[in-house]
Amino acid sequence: MRAKEAPTVPLEVVTMKEIDAIFAVTDALGIHREMLVIPLGPASPGRVRKLPSGKLEIVVDALHPIEEWVRELPKLIAAARGT
């Protein structure tokens, strides 16, 4: 008999675990870390947007595990950059 999976608990605060996962993606894309703004408060849904300063604001998704959400990050970044 399979054990029931525990419900996902919403993320309340972005920690170094989430930031490191984001950096792994953005480093691979050649985006300098100083061009990123990562708020410590997550949201649902997570999002990426280009700020007037040209920096990318990456708001971590509160409801999806970071390992899943960062798989979508390259697509979200491309959309925010208009590429």
PDB file of N, CA and C in Angstrom:
ATOM      1  N   MET A   1       0.830  -1.176   0.000  1.00  0.00           N
ATOM      2  CA  MET A   1       0.000   0.000   0.000  1.00  0.00           C
ATOM      3  C   MET A   1       0.882   1.249   0.000  1.00  0.00           C
ATOM      4  N   ARG A   2       0.566   2.188  -0.880  1.00  0.00           N
ATOM      5  CA  ARG A   2       1.355   3.419  -0.970  1.00  0.00           C
ATOM      6  C   ARG A   2       0.964   4.396   0.117  1.00  0.00           C
ATOM      7  N   ALA A   3       1.962   5.019   0.671  1.00  0.00           N
ATOM      8  CA  ALA A   3       1.699   6.058   1.672  1.00  0.00           C
ATOM      9  C   ALA A   3       1.182   7.298   0.958  1.00  0.00           C
ATOM     10  N   LYS A   4       0.289   7.995   1.596  1.00  0.00           N
ATOM     11  CA  LYS A   4      -0.214   9.244   1.022  1.00  0.00           C
ATOM     12  C   LYS A   4       0.888  10.289   1.043  1.00  0.00           C
ATOM     13  N   GLU A   5       0.924  11.076  -0.030  1.00  0.00           N
ATOM     14  CA  GLU A   5       1.894  12.167  -0.067  1.00  0.00           C
ATOM     15  C   GLU A   5       1.371  13.309   0.787  1.00  0.00           C
ATOM     16  N   ALA A   6       2.277  13.913   1.511  1.00  0.00           N
ATOM     17  CA  ALA A   6       1.895  15.060   2.337  1.00  0.00           C
ATOM     18  C   ALA A   6       1.555  16.230   1.425  1.00  0.00           C
ATOM     19  N   PRO A   7       0.554  17.018   1.771  1.00  0.00           N
ATOM     20  CA  PRO A   7       0.244  18.186   0.945  1.00  0.00           C
ATOM     21  C   PRO A   7       1.411  19.169   0.965  1.00  0.00           C
ATOM     22  N   THR A   8       1.567  19.871  -0.141  1.00  0.00           N
ATOM     23  CA  THR A   8       2.636  20.854  -0.239  1.00  0.00           C
ATOM     24  C   THR A   8       2.323  22.046   0.662  1.00  0.00           C
ATOM     25  N   VAL A   9       3.275  22.391   1.491  1.00  0.00           N
ATOM     26  CA  VAL A   9       3.129  23.552   2.375  1.00  0.00           C
ATOM     27  C   VAL A   9       3.650  24.769   1.618  1.00  0.00           C
ATOM     28  N   PRO A  10       2.859  25.831   1.526  1.00  0.00           N
ATOM     29  CA  PRO A  10       3.325  27.017   0.798  1.00  0.00           C
ATOM     30  C   PRO A  10       4.620  27.582   1.392  1.00  0.00           C
ATOM     31  N   LEU A  11       5.504  28.003   0.508  1.00  0.00           N
ATOM     32  CA  LEU A  11       6.751  28.633   0.918  1.00  0.00           C
ATOM     33  C   LEU A  11       6.437  30.001   1.511  1.00  0.00           C
ATOM     34  N   GLU A  12       6.999  30.292   2.671  1.00  0.00           N
ATOM     35  CA  GLU A  12       6.735  31.576   3.327  1.00  0.00           C
ATOM     36  C   GLU A  12       7.869  32.575   3.152  1.00  0.00           C
ATOM     37  N   VAL A  13       9.109  32.067   3.068  1.00  0.00           N
ATOM     38  CA  VAL A  13      10.281  32.932   2.940  1.00  0.00           C
ATOM     39  C   VAL A  13      11.255  32.286   1.963  1.00  0.00           C
ATOM     40  N   VAL A  14      11.803  33.082   1.072  1.00  0.00           N
ATOM     41  CA  VAL A  14      12.816  32.600   0.134  1.00  0.00           C
ATOM     42  C   VAL A  14      14.136  32.488   0.892  1.00  0.00           C
ATOM     43  N   THR A  15      14.746  31.301   0.828  1.00  0.00           N
ATOM     44  CA  THR A  15      16.006  31.049   1.524  1.00  0.00           C
ATOM     45  C   THR A  15      17.134  30.875   0.513  1.00  0.00           C
ATOM     46  N   MET A  16      18.332  30.629   1.019  1.00  0.00           N
ATOM     47  CA  MET A  16      19.481  30.402   0.126  1.00  0.00           C
ATOM     48  C   MET A  16      19.259  29.187  -0.769  1.00  0.00           C
ATOM     49  N   LYS A  17      18.476  28.219  -0.329  1.00  0.00           N
ATOM     50  CA  LYS A  17      18.176  27.048  -1.176  1.00  0.00           C
ATOM     51  C   LYS A  17      17.521  27.503  -2.478  1.00  0.00           C
ATOM     52  N   GLU A  18      16.512  28.346  -2.381  1.00  0.00           N
ATOM     53  CA  GLU A  18      15.815  28.831  -3.571  1.00  0.00           C
ATOM     54  C   GLU A  18      16.700  29.766  -4.387  1.00  0.00           C
ATOM     55  N   ILE A  19      17.435  30.636  -3.709  1.00  0.00           N
ATOM     56  CA  ILE A  19      18.318  31.569  -4.412  1.00  0.00           C
ATOM     57  C   ILE A  19      19.406  30.814  -5.164  1.00  0.00           C
ATOM     58  N   ASP A  20      19.995  29.808  -4.538  1.00  0.00           N
ATOM     59  CA  ASP A  20      21.020  29.005  -5.217  1.00  0.00           C
ATOM     60  C   ASP A  20      20.451  28.287  -6.434  1.00  0.00           C
ATOM     61  N   ALA A  21      19.217  27.799  -6.337  1.00  0.00           N
ATOM     62  CA  ALA A  21      18.585  27.128  -7.478  1.00  0.00           C
ATOM     63  C   ALA A  21      18.373  28.114  -8.626  1.00  0.00           C
ATOM     64  N   ILE A  22      17.988  29.334  -8.300  1.00  0.00           N
ATOM     65  CA  ILE A  22      17.822  30.376  -9.319  1.00  0.00           C
ATOM     66  C   ILE A  22      19.170  30.727  -9.934  1.00  0.00           C
ATOM     67  N   PHE A  23      20.198  30.902  -9.098  1.00  0.00           N
ATOM     68  CA  PHE A  23      21.530  31.217  -9.611  1.00  0.00           C
ATOM     69  C   PHE A  23      22.060  30.122 -10.531  1.00  0.00           C
ATOM     70  N   ALA A  24      21.764  28.874 -10.243  1.00  0.00           N
ATOM     71  CA  ALA A  24      22.221  27.784 -11.115  1.00  0.00           C
ATOM     72  C   ALA A  24      21.674  27.975 -12.526  1.00  0.00           C
ATOM     73  N   VAL A  25      20.438  28.411 -12.621  1.00  0.00           N
ATOM     74  CA  VAL A  25      19.815  28.637 -13.929  1.00  0.00           C
ATOM     75  C   VAL A  25      20.360  29.903 -14.575  1.00  0.00           C
ATOM     76  N   THR A  26      20.379  31.002 -13.827  1.00  0.00           N
ATOM     77  CA  THR A  26      20.801  32.273 -14.423  1.00  0.00           C
ATOM     78  C   THR A  26      22.291  32.280 -14.754  1.00  0.00           C
ATOM     79  N   ASP A  27      23.106  31.619 -13.943  1.00  0.00           N
ATOM     80  CA  ASP A  27      24.535  31.507 -14.268  1.00  0.00           C
ATOM     81  C   ASP A  27      24.713  30.764 -15.590  1.00  0.00           C
ATOM     82  N   ALA A  28      23.957  29.681 -15.772  1.00  0.00           N
ATOM     83  CA  ALA A  28      24.051  28.894 -17.009  1.00  0.00           C
ATOM     84  C   ALA A  28      23.598  29.711 -18.219  1.00  0.00           C
ATOM     85  N   LEU A  29      22.697  30.661 -17.998  1.00  0.00           N
ATOM     86  CA  LEU A  29      22.223  31.528 -19.084  1.00  0.00           C
ATOM     87  C   LEU A  29      23.141  32.729 -19.314  1.00  0.00           C
ATOM     88  N   GLY A  30      24.182  32.872 -18.482  1.00  0.00           N
ATOM     89  CA  GLY A  30      25.123  33.975 -18.630  1.00  0.00           C
ATOM     90  C   GLY A  30      24.596  35.303 -18.108  1.00  0.00           C
ATOM     91  N   ILE A  31      23.636  35.253 -17.190  1.00  0.00           N
ATOM     92  CA  ILE A  31      23.071  36.475 -16.612  1.00  0.00           C
ATOM     93  C   ILE A  31      23.830  36.802 -15.331  1.00  0.00           C
ATOM     94  N   HIS A  32      24.402  37.999 -15.279  1.00  0.00           N
ATOM     95  CA  HIS A  32      25.176  38.417 -14.112  1.00  0.00           C
ATOM     96  C   HIS A  32      24.256  38.554 -12.907  1.00  0.00           C
ATOM     97  N   ARG A  33      24.717  38.108 -11.766  1.00  0.00           N
ATOM     98  CA  ARG A  33      23.901  38.124 -10.545  1.00  0.00           C
ATOM     99  C   ARG A  33      23.484  39.527 -10.121  1.00  0.00           C
ATOM    100  N   GLU A  34      24.279  40.519 -10.470  1.00  0.00           N
ATOM    101  CA  GLU A  34      23.914  41.898 -10.116  1.00  0.00           C
ATOM    102  C   GLU A  34      22.752  42.416 -10.953  1.00  0.00           C
ATOM    103  N   MET A  35      22.364  41.665 -11.979  1.00  0.00           N
ATOM    104  CA  MET A  35      21.219  42.046 -12.810  1.00  0.00           C
ATOM    105  C   MET A  35      19.920  41.422 -12.317  1.00  0.00           C
ATOM    106  N   LEU A  36      19.968  40.781 -11.145  1.00  0.00           N
ATOM    107  CA  LEU A  36      18.798  40.094 -10.600  1.00  0.00           C
ATOM    108  C   LEU A  36      18.317  40.754  -9.318  1.00  0.00           C
ATOM    109  N   VAL A  37      17.013  40.780  -9.164  1.00  0.00           N
ATOM    110  CA  VAL A  37      16.370  41.182  -7.916  1.00  0.00           C
ATOM    111  C   VAL A  37      15.497  39.999  -7.527  1.00  0.00           C
ATOM    112  N   ILE A  38      15.777  39.415  -6.352  1.00  0.00           N
ATOM    113  CA  ILE A  38      15.016  38.260  -5.882  1.00  0.00           C
ATOM    114  C   ILE A  38      14.402  38.625  -4.533  1.00  0.00           C
ATOM    115  N   PRO A  39      13.123  39.024  -4.527  1.00  0.00           N
ATOM    116  CA  PRO A  39      12.478  39.365  -3.257  1.00  0.00           C
ATOM    117  C   PRO A  39      12.436  38.158  -2.321  1.00  0.00           C
ATOM    118  N   LEU A  40      12.515  38.413  -1.032  1.00  0.00           N
ATOM    119  CA  LEU A  40      12.496  37.329  -0.049  1.00  0.00           C
ATOM    120  C   LEU A  40      11.087  36.840   0.261  1.00  0.00           C
ATOM    121  N   GLY A  41      10.084  37.509  -0.271  1.00  0.00           N
ATOM    122  CA  GLY A  41       8.706  37.066  -0.113  1.00  0.00           C
ATOM    123  C   GLY A  41       8.234  36.402  -1.391  1.00  0.00           C
ATOM    124  N   PRO A  42       7.884  35.112  -1.340  1.00  0.00           N
ATOM    125  CA  PRO A  42       7.382  34.429  -2.534  1.00  0.00           C
ATOM    126  C   PRO A  42       5.955  34.861  -2.852  1.00  0.00           C
ATOM    127  N   ALA A  43       5.453  34.456  -4.004  1.00  0.00           N
ATOM    128  CA  ALA A  43       4.081  34.771  -4.410  1.00  0.00           C
ATOM    129  C   ALA A  43       3.522  33.593  -5.193  1.00  0.00           C
ATOM    130  N   SER A  44       2.232  33.624  -5.398  1.00  0.00           N
ATOM    131  CA  SER A  44       1.611  32.597  -6.223  1.00  0.00           C
ATOM    132  C   SER A  44       0.700  33.288  -7.224  1.00  0.00           C
ATOM    133  N   PRO A  45       1.010  33.191  -8.486  1.00  0.00           N
ATOM    134  CA  PRO A  45       2.110  32.412  -9.048  1.00  0.00           C
ATOM    135  C   PRO A  45       3.432  33.173  -8.956  1.00  0.00           C
ATOM    136  N   GLY A  46       4.520  32.436  -9.110  1.00  0.00           N
ATOM    137  CA  GLY A  46       5.826  33.074  -9.214  1.00  0.00           C
ATOM    138  C   GLY A  46       5.894  33.797 -10.552  1.00  0.00           C
ATOM    139  N   ARG A  47       6.845  34.708 -10.689  1.00  0.00           N
ATOM    140  CA  ARG A  47       6.912  35.455 -11.944  1.00  0.00           C
ATOM    141  C   ARG A  47       8.312  36.022 -12.166  1.00  0.00           C
ATOM    142  N   VAL A  48       8.544  36.418 -13.406  1.00  0.00           N
ATOM    143  CA  VAL A  48       9.765  37.128 -13.778  1.00  0.00           C
ATOM    144  C   VAL A  48       9.324  38.342 -14.578  1.00  0.00           C
ATOM    145  N   ARG A  49       9.873  39.497 -14.231  1.00  0.00           N
ATOM    146  CA  ARG A  49       9.577  40.697 -15.010  1.00  0.00           C
ATOM    147  C   ARG A  49      10.829  41.556 -15.106  1.00  0.00           C
ATOM    148  N   LYS A  50      10.873  42.326 -16.176  1.00  0.00           N
ATOM    149  CA  LYS A  50      11.988  43.251 -16.376  1.00  0.00           C
ATOM    150  C   LYS A  50      11.624  44.574 -15.720  1.00  0.00           C
ATOM    151  N   LEU A  51      12.478  45.038 -14.836  1.00  0.00           N
ATOM    152  CA  LEU A  51      12.258  46.297 -14.135  1.00  0.00           C
ATOM    153  C   LEU A  51      12.708  47.473 -15.003  1.00  0.00           C
ATOM    154  N   PRO A  52      12.236  48.684 -14.717  1.00  0.00           N
ATOM    155  CA  PRO A  52      12.676  49.858 -15.480  1.00  0.00           C
ATOM    156  C   PRO A  52      14.200  50.018 -15.493  1.00  0.00           C
ATOM    157  N   SER A  53      14.871  49.533 -14.456  1.00  0.00           N
ATOM    158  CA  SER A  53      16.334  49.614 -14.377  1.00  0.00           C
ATOM    159  C   SER A  53      17.022  48.643 -15.332  1.00  0.00           C
ATOM    160  N   GLY A  54      16.246  47.732 -15.933  1.00  0.00           N
ATOM    161  CA  GLY A  54      16.820  46.707 -16.803  1.00  0.00           C
ATOM    162  C   GLY A  54      17.093  45.403 -16.081  1.00  0.00           C
ATOM    163  N   LYS A  55      17.021  45.431 -14.753  1.00  0.00           N
ATOM    164  CA  LYS A  55      17.233  44.210 -13.972  1.00  0.00           C
ATOM    165  C   LYS A  55      16.016  43.303 -14.088  1.00  0.00           C
ATOM    166  N   LEU A  56      16.234  42.019 -13.819  1.00  0.00           N
ATOM    167  CA  LEU A  56      15.144  41.052 -13.806  1.00  0.00           C
ATOM    168  C   LEU A  56      14.707  40.798 -12.372  1.00  0.00           C
ATOM    169  N   GLU A  57      13.438  40.966 -12.110  1.00  0.00           N
ATOM    170  CA  GLU A  57      12.886  40.618 -10.803  1.00  0.00           C
ATOM    171  C   GLU A  57      12.339  39.196 -10.907  1.00  0.00           C
ATOM    172  N   ILE A  58      12.843  38.316 -10.064  1.00  0.00           N
ATOM    173  CA  ILE A  58      12.412  36.921 -10.054  1.00  0.00           C
ATOM    174  C   ILE A  58      11.727  36.657  -8.725  1.00  0.00           C
ATOM    175  N   VAL A  59      10.407  36.471  -8.781  1.00  0.00           N
ATOM    176  CA  VAL A  59       9.611  36.205  -7.585  1.00  0.00           C
ATOM    177  C   VAL A  59       9.339  34.708  -7.546  1.00  0.00           C
ATOM    178  N   VAL A  60       9.839  34.054  -6.514  1.00  0.00           N
ATOM    179  CA  VAL A  60       9.715  32.599  -6.377  1.00  0.00           C
ATOM    180  C   VAL A  60       8.255  32.215  -6.166  1.00  0.00           C
ATOM    181  N   ASP A  61       7.852  31.122  -6.806  1.00  0.00           N
ATOM    182  CA  ASP A  61       6.494  30.602  -6.643  1.00  0.00           C
ATOM    183  C   ASP A  61       6.343  29.971  -5.265  1.00  0.00           C
ATOM    184  N   ALA A  62       5.315  30.376  -4.542  1.00  0.00           N
ATOM    185  CA  ALA A  62       5.104  29.893  -3.172  1.00  0.00           C
ATOM    186  C   ALA A  62       4.511  28.493  -3.117  1.00  0.00           C
ATOM    187  N   LEU A  63       3.826  28.065  -4.184  1.00  0.00           N
ATOM    188  CA  LEU A  63       3.081  26.808  -4.118  1.00  0.00           C
ATOM    189  C   LEU A  63       3.754  25.622  -4.789  1.00  0.00           C
ATOM    190  N   HIS A  64       4.717  25.870  -5.659  1.00  0.00           N
ATOM    191  CA  HIS A  64       5.395  24.770  -6.356  1.00  0.00           C
ATOM    192  C   HIS A  64       6.800  24.577  -5.799  1.00  0.00           C
ATOM    193  N   PRO A  65       7.227  23.333  -5.629  1.00  0.00           N
ATOM    194  CA  PRO A  65       8.599  23.093  -5.153  1.00  0.00           C
ATOM    195  C   PRO A  65       9.607  23.771  -6.082  1.00  0.00           C
ATOM    196  N   ILE A  66      10.642  24.327  -5.501  1.00  0.00           N
ATOM    197  CA  ILE A  66      11.632  25.079  -6.276  1.00  0.00           C
ATOM    198  C   ILE A  66      12.244  24.227  -7.382  1.00  0.00           C
ATOM    199  N   GLU A  67      12.430  22.929  -7.121  1.00  0.00           N
ATOM    200  CA  GLU A  67      13.031  22.043  -8.125  1.00  0.00           C
ATOM    201  C   GLU A  67      12.168  21.974  -9.383  1.00  0.00           C
ATOM    202  N   GLU A  68      10.861  22.040  -9.219  1.00  0.00           N
ATOM    203  CA  GLU A  68       9.953  22.041 -10.370  1.00  0.00           C
ATOM    204  C   GLU A  68       9.906  23.423 -11.013  1.00  0.00           C
ATOM    205  N   TRP A  69       9.795  24.443 -10.188  1.00  0.00           N
ATOM    206  CA  TRP A  69       9.592  25.792 -10.706  1.00  0.00           C
ATOM    207  C   TRP A  69      10.784  26.290 -11.519  1.00  0.00           C
ATOM    208  N   VAL A  70      12.005  25.972 -11.092  1.00  0.00           N
ATOM    209  CA  VAL A  70      13.175  26.484 -11.831  1.00  0.00           C
ATOM    210  C   VAL A  70      13.291  25.869 -13.220  1.00  0.00           C
ATOM    211  N   ARG A  71      12.628  24.739 -13.457  1.00  0.00           N
ATOM    212  CA  ARG A  71      12.636  24.170 -14.816  1.00  0.00           C
ATOM    213  C   ARG A  71      11.938  25.101 -15.799  1.00  0.00           C
ATOM    214  N   GLU A  72      10.999  25.887 -15.310  1.00  0.00           N
ATOM    215  CA  GLU A  72      10.276  26.846 -16.148  1.00  0.00           C
ATOM    216  C   GLU A  72      10.987  28.196 -16.234  1.00  0.00           C
ATOM    217  N   LEU A  73      11.982  28.393 -15.394  1.00  0.00           N
ATOM    218  CA  LEU A  73      12.631  29.698 -15.291  1.00  0.00           C
ATOM    219  C   LEU A  73      13.253  30.195 -16.598  1.00  0.00           C
ATOM    220  N   PRO A  74      13.962  29.374 -17.378  1.00  0.00           N
ATOM    221  CA  PRO A  74      14.508  29.901 -18.638  1.00  0.00           C
ATOM    222  C   PRO A  74      13.427  30.472 -19.561  1.00  0.00           C
ATOM    223  N   LYS A  75      12.285  29.807 -19.629  1.00  0.00           N
ATOM    224  CA  LYS A  75      11.181  30.285 -20.464  1.00  0.00           C
ATOM    225  C   LYS A  75      10.608  31.597 -19.913  1.00  0.00           C
ATOM    226  N   LEU A  76      10.476  31.687 -18.591  1.00  0.00           N
ATOM    227  CA  LEU A  76       9.966  32.912 -17.973  1.00  0.00           C
ATOM    228  C   LEU A  76      10.927  34.080 -18.183  1.00  0.00           C
ATOM    229  N   ILE A  77      12.228  33.800 -18.084  1.00  0.00           N
ATOM    230  CA  ILE A  77      13.241  34.842 -18.300  1.00  0.00           C
ATOM    231  C   ILE A  77      13.214  35.316 -19.746  1.00  0.00           C
ATOM    232  N   ALA A  78      13.140  34.386 -20.689  1.00  0.00           N
ATOM    233  CA  ALA A  78      13.093  34.751 -22.110  1.00  0.00           C
ATOM    234  C   ALA A  78      11.878  35.627 -22.402  1.00  0.00           C
ATOM    235  N   ALA A  79      10.740  35.288 -21.823  1.00  0.00           N
ATOM    236  CA  ALA A  79       9.526  36.083 -22.040  1.00  0.00           C
ATOM    237  C   ALA A  79       9.687  37.486 -21.456  1.00  0.00           C
ATOM    238  N   ALA A  80      10.285  37.586 -20.281  1.00  0.00           N
ATOM    239  CA  ALA A  80      10.477  38.893 -19.646  1.00  0.00           C
ATOM    240  C   ALA A  80      11.449  39.765 -20.438  1.00  0.00           C
ATOM    241  N   ARG A  81      12.429  39.131 -21.050  1.00  0.00           N
ATOM    242  CA  ARG A  81      13.424  39.870 -21.832  1.00  0.00           C
ATOM    243  C   ARG A  81      12.939  40.165 -23.243  1.00  0.00           C
ATOM    244  N   GLY A  82      11.837  39.532 -23.631  1.00  0.00           N
ATOM    245  CA  GLY A  82      11.314  39.725 -24.977  1.00  0.00           C
ATOM    246  C   GLY A  82      12.108  38.992 -26.036  1.00  0.00           C
ATOM    247  N   THR A  83      12.726  37.868 -25.623  1.00  0.00           N
ATOM    248  CA  THR A  83      13.521  37.089 -26.587  1.00  0.00           C
ATOM    249  C   THR A  83      12.886  35.750 -26.866  1.00  0.00           C
TER     250      THR A  83
END
